Amino acid sequence: MTDATNQLLDIVKFDDRGFVPAIAQQHDSGEVLMMAWMNEQAIRETLATGQVHYWSRSRDALWHKGESSGQTQELKDFSVDCDGDTILLSVDQTGVACHTGRRTCFFRAFRNGEIVETQGVDIDPKTLYK
């Protein structure tokens, strides 16, 4: 890996389990799509391939976003916040980002004292994963 990648990894502050939260945002609209966890391996794979990878805590494995659903994220920009403890990924999302079949994972809002769904299902989740 490049010296720049190693310098970037030196800036990132991983938690005691080796993870850092990563927010994925659509590069051309600013829409916040999802939050997931990355570890060093996920960051290295993302930077090397240009395709976003995360660490799946439930599967305890590296996860190439879209590997089973086809709903991939192409990396456009990789930023680290001022404290080094959160990553912002500017991506080009293919299809939906959420496993519920919605464009974004942030589809519930608290408004006027109620929880409301702000976005409907775009794709039946049963058809996303084969």
C-alpha atoms as a PDB file:
ATOM      1  CA  MET A   1       0.000   0.000   0.000  1.00  0.00           C
ATOM      2  CA  THR A   2       1.116   3.558  -0.544  1.00  0.00           C
ATOM      3  CA  ASP A   3       2.745   5.831   1.982  1.00  0.00           C
ATOM      4  CA  ALA A   4      -0.322   8.088   1.735  1.00  0.00           C
ATOM      5  CA  THR A   5      -2.587   5.187   2.761  1.00  0.00           C
ATOM      6  CA  ASN A   6      -0.370   4.470   5.752  1.00  0.00           C
ATOM      7  CA  GLN A   7      -0.393   8.157   6.688  1.00  0.00           C
ATOM      8  CA  LEU A   8      -4.188   8.160   6.471  1.00  0.00           C
ATOM      9  CA  LEU A   9      -4.399   5.080   8.699  1.00  0.00           C
ATOM     10  CA  ASP A  10      -2.169   6.838  11.234  1.00  0.00           C
ATOM     11  CA  ILE A  11      -4.775   9.633  11.432  1.00  0.00           C
ATOM     12  CA  VAL A  12      -7.743   7.295  11.953  1.00  0.00           C
ATOM     13  CA  LYS A  13      -8.557   6.557  15.595  1.00  0.00           C
ATOM     14  CA  PHE A  14     -10.004   3.073  15.784  1.00  0.00           C
ATOM     15  CA  ASP A  15     -11.983   2.038  18.870  1.00  0.00           C
ATOM     16  CA  ASP A  16     -10.751  -0.685  21.216  1.00  0.00           C
ATOM     17  CA  ARG A  17     -12.207  -3.349  18.882  1.00  0.00           C
ATOM     18  CA  GLY A  18     -10.427  -1.900  15.850  1.00  0.00           C
ATOM     19  CA  PHE A  19     -13.467  -0.179  14.284  1.00  0.00           C
ATOM     20  CA  VAL A  20     -14.297   3.344  13.169  1.00  0.00           C
ATOM     21  CA  PRO A  21     -17.769   4.572  12.100  1.00  0.00           C
ATOM     22  CA  ALA A  22     -18.137   5.501   8.445  1.00  0.00           C
ATOM     23  CA  ILE A  23     -20.932   7.627   7.006  1.00  0.00           C
ATOM     24  CA  ALA A  24     -21.719   7.116   3.313  1.00  0.00           C
ATOM     25  CA  GLN A  25     -23.068  10.166   1.493  1.00  0.00           C
ATOM     26  CA  GLN A  26     -24.182  10.426  -2.146  1.00  0.00           C
ATOM     27  CA  HIS A  27     -21.480  12.494  -3.846  1.00  0.00           C
ATOM     28  CA  ASP A  28     -23.698  14.629  -6.098  1.00  0.00           C
ATOM     29  CA  SER A  29     -26.723  15.278  -3.877  1.00  0.00           C
ATOM     30  CA  GLY A  30     -25.301  15.226  -0.350  1.00  0.00           C
ATOM     31  CA  GLU A  31     -27.930  12.651   0.689  1.00  0.00           C
ATOM     32  CA  VAL A  32     -26.801  10.669   3.744  1.00  0.00           C
ATOM     33  CA  LEU A  33     -27.168   7.014   2.808  1.00  0.00           C
ATOM     34  CA  MET A  34     -25.941   4.866   5.683  1.00  0.00           C
ATOM     35  CA  MET A  35     -23.557   4.350   8.549  1.00  0.00           C
ATOM     36  CA  ALA A  36     -21.428   1.231   8.893  1.00  0.00           C
ATOM     37  CA  TRP A  37     -18.172   0.188  10.506  1.00  0.00           C
ATOM     38  CA  MET A  38     -14.746   0.001   8.936  1.00  0.00           C
ATOM     39  CA  ASN A  39     -11.533  -1.519  10.181  1.00  0.00           C
ATOM     40  CA  GLU A  40      -8.044  -1.205   8.715  1.00  0.00           C
ATOM     41  CA  GLN A  41      -8.659  -4.011   6.208  1.00  0.00           C
ATOM     42  CA  ALA A  42     -11.906  -2.398   4.977  1.00  0.00           C
ATOM     43  CA  ILE A  43     -10.175   0.955   4.533  1.00  0.00           C
ATOM     44  CA  ARG A  44      -7.273  -0.600   2.635  1.00  0.00           C
ATOM     45  CA  GLU A  45      -9.615  -2.548   0.320  1.00  0.00           C
ATOM     46  CA  THR A  46     -11.757   0.525  -0.302  1.00  0.00           C
ATOM     47  CA  LEU A  47      -8.783   2.683  -1.214  1.00  0.00           C
ATOM     48  CA  ALA A  48      -7.164  -0.037  -3.336  1.00  0.00           C
ATOM     49  CA  THR A  49     -10.272  -0.953  -5.339  1.00  0.00           C
ATOM     50  CA  GLY A  50     -12.405   2.201  -5.388  1.00  0.00           C
ATOM     51  CA  GLN A  51     -15.338   0.052  -4.253  1.00  0.00           C
ATOM     52  CA  VAL A  52     -16.487   0.599  -0.668  1.00  0.00           C
ATOM     53  CA  HIS A  53     -15.857  -2.192   1.823  1.00  0.00           C
ATOM     54  CA  TYR A  54     -17.021  -2.313   5.426  1.00  0.00           C
ATOM     55  CA  TRP A  55     -16.571  -4.694   8.328  1.00  0.00           C
ATOM     56  CA  SER A  56     -19.684  -6.706   9.102  1.00  0.00           C
ATOM     57  CA  ARG A  57     -19.797  -7.155  12.849  1.00  0.00           C
ATOM     58  CA  SER A  58     -22.680  -9.644  12.603  1.00  0.00           C
ATOM     59  CA  ARG A  59     -20.785 -11.863  10.132  1.00  0.00           C
ATOM     60  CA  ASP A  60     -17.375 -10.978  11.582  1.00  0.00           C
ATOM     61  CA  ALA A  61     -16.072 -10.557   8.049  1.00  0.00           C
ATOM     62  CA  LEU A  62     -15.018  -8.040   5.440  1.00  0.00           C
ATOM     63  CA  TRP A  63     -18.055  -6.899   3.465  1.00  0.00           C
ATOM     64  CA  HIS A  64     -17.861  -5.505  -0.054  1.00  0.00           C
ATOM     65  CA  LYS A  65     -20.976  -3.307  -0.212  1.00  0.00           C
ATOM     66  CA  GLY A  66     -23.259  -4.861  -2.793  1.00  0.00           C
ATOM     67  CA  GLU A  67     -21.471  -8.205  -3.016  1.00  0.00           C
ATOM     68  CA  SER A  68     -24.741 -10.128  -2.693  1.00  0.00           C
ATOM     69  CA  SER A  69     -27.304  -7.460  -3.622  1.00  0.00           C
ATOM     70  CA  GLY A  70     -25.587  -5.628  -6.485  1.00  0.00           C
ATOM     71  CA  GLN A  71     -26.221  -2.322  -4.672  1.00  0.00           C
ATOM     72  CA  THR A  72     -22.618  -1.113  -4.766  1.00  0.00           C
ATOM     73  CA  GLN A  73     -20.873   2.071  -3.705  1.00  0.00           C
ATOM     74  CA  GLU A  74     -18.135   3.569  -5.863  1.00  0.00           C
ATOM     75  CA  LEU A  75     -15.789   5.723  -3.800  1.00  0.00           C
ATOM     76  CA  LYS A  76     -15.528   9.349  -4.929  1.00  0.00           C
ATOM     77  CA  ASP A  77     -13.840  10.883  -1.881  1.00  0.00           C
ATOM     78  CA  PHE A  78     -12.590   9.672   1.513  1.00  0.00           C
ATOM     79  CA  SER A  79     -12.499  12.147   4.428  1.00  0.00           C
ATOM     80  CA  VAL A  80     -11.580  11.865   8.083  1.00  0.00           C
ATOM     81  CA  ASP A  81     -13.062  14.224  10.664  1.00  0.00           C
ATOM     82  CA  CYS A  82     -11.016  16.576  12.847  1.00  0.00           C
ATOM     83  CA  ASP A  83     -10.705  14.043  15.695  1.00  0.00           C
ATOM     84  CA  GLY A  84      -9.901  11.131  13.400  1.00  0.00           C
ATOM     85  CA  ASP A  85     -12.738   9.086  14.872  1.00  0.00           C
ATOM     86  CA  THR A  86     -15.305   9.224  12.043  1.00  0.00           C
ATOM     87  CA  ILE A  87     -14.982   8.687   8.305  1.00  0.00           C
ATOM     88  CA  LEU A  88     -17.075  10.352   5.617  1.00  0.00           C
ATOM     89  CA  LEU A  89     -17.292   8.458   2.338  1.00  0.00           C
ATOM     90  CA  SER A  90     -18.516  10.352  -0.700  1.00  0.00           C
ATOM     91  CA  VAL A  91     -19.909   7.629  -2.948  1.00  0.00           C
ATOM     92  CA  ASP A  92     -21.848   6.950  -6.099  1.00  0.00           C
ATOM     93  CA  GLN A  93     -24.553   4.575  -4.874  1.00  0.00           C
ATOM     94  CA  THR A  94     -25.914   2.027  -7.330  1.00  0.00           C
ATOM     95  CA  GLY A  95     -29.519   1.262  -6.377  1.00  0.00           C
ATOM     96  CA  VAL A  96     -30.569   1.342  -2.753  1.00  0.00           C
ATOM     97  CA  ALA A  97     -28.221   1.639   0.208  1.00  0.00           C
ATOM     98  CA  CYS A  98     -30.410   0.093   2.906  1.00  0.00           C
ATOM     99  CA  HIS A  99     -31.068  -3.609   3.432  1.00  0.00           C
ATOM    100  CA  THR A 100     -34.737  -2.665   3.912  1.00  0.00           C
ATOM    101  CA  GLY A 101     -34.923  -1.780   0.201  1.00  0.00           C
ATOM    102  CA  ARG A 102     -34.871   1.986   0.722  1.00  0.00           C
ATOM    103  CA  ARG A 103     -32.496   4.475  -0.841  1.00  0.00           C
ATOM    104  CA  THR A 104     -31.199   5.524   2.594  1.00  0.00           C
ATOM    105  CA  CYS A 105     -31.035   3.866   5.996  1.00  0.00           C
ATOM    106  CA  PHE A 106     -32.249   7.149   7.526  1.00  0.00           C
ATOM    107  CA  PHE A 107     -35.952   6.801   6.676  1.00  0.00           C
ATOM    108  CA  ARG A 108     -37.454   7.376  10.131  1.00  0.00           C
ATOM    109  CA  ALA A 109     -37.779  10.850  11.594  1.00  0.00           C
ATOM    110  CA  PHE A 110     -39.223  12.311  14.770  1.00  0.00           C
ATOM    111  CA  ARG A 111     -41.493  15.136  13.684  1.00  0.00           C
ATOM    112  CA  ASN A 112     -44.200  16.958  15.600  1.00  0.00           C
ATOM    113  CA  GLY A 113     -44.071  14.422  18.417  1.00  0.00           C
ATOM    114  CA  GLU A 114     -44.379  11.409  16.117  1.00  0.00           C
ATOM    115  CA  ILE A 115     -42.114   8.932  14.398  1.00  0.00           C
ATOM    116  CA  VAL A 116     -42.783   9.095  10.679  1.00  0.00           C
ATOM    117  CA  GLU A 117     -41.376   7.187   7.732  1.00  0.00           C
ATOM    118  CA  THR A 118     -39.924   9.678   5.284  1.00  0.00           C
ATOM    119  CA  GLN A 119     -39.253   7.211   2.498  1.00  0.00           C
ATOM    120  CA  GLY A 120     -40.985   4.147   1.135  1.00  0.00           C
ATOM    121  CA  VAL A 121     -39.490   0.865   0.014  1.00  0.00           C
ATOM    122  CA  ASP A 122     -37.978   1.054  -3.493  1.00  0.00           C
ATOM    123  CA  ILE A 123     -37.046  -2.613  -3.846  1.00  0.00           C
ATOM    124  CA  ASP A 124     -38.516  -5.605  -2.018  1.00  0.00           C
ATOM    125  CA  PRO A 125     -35.696  -6.684   0.338  1.00  0.00           C
ATOM    126  CA  LYS A 126     -36.440 -10.357  -0.412  1.00  0.00           C
ATOM    127  CA  THR A 127     -35.256  -9.782  -3.980  1.00  0.00           C
ATOM    128  CA  LEU A 128     -32.046  -8.010  -2.954  1.00  0.00           C
ATOM    129  CA  TYR A 129     -30.283 -10.983  -1.416  1.00  0.00           C
ATOM    130  CA  LYS A 130     -30.048 -14.248  -3.242  1.00  0.00           C
END
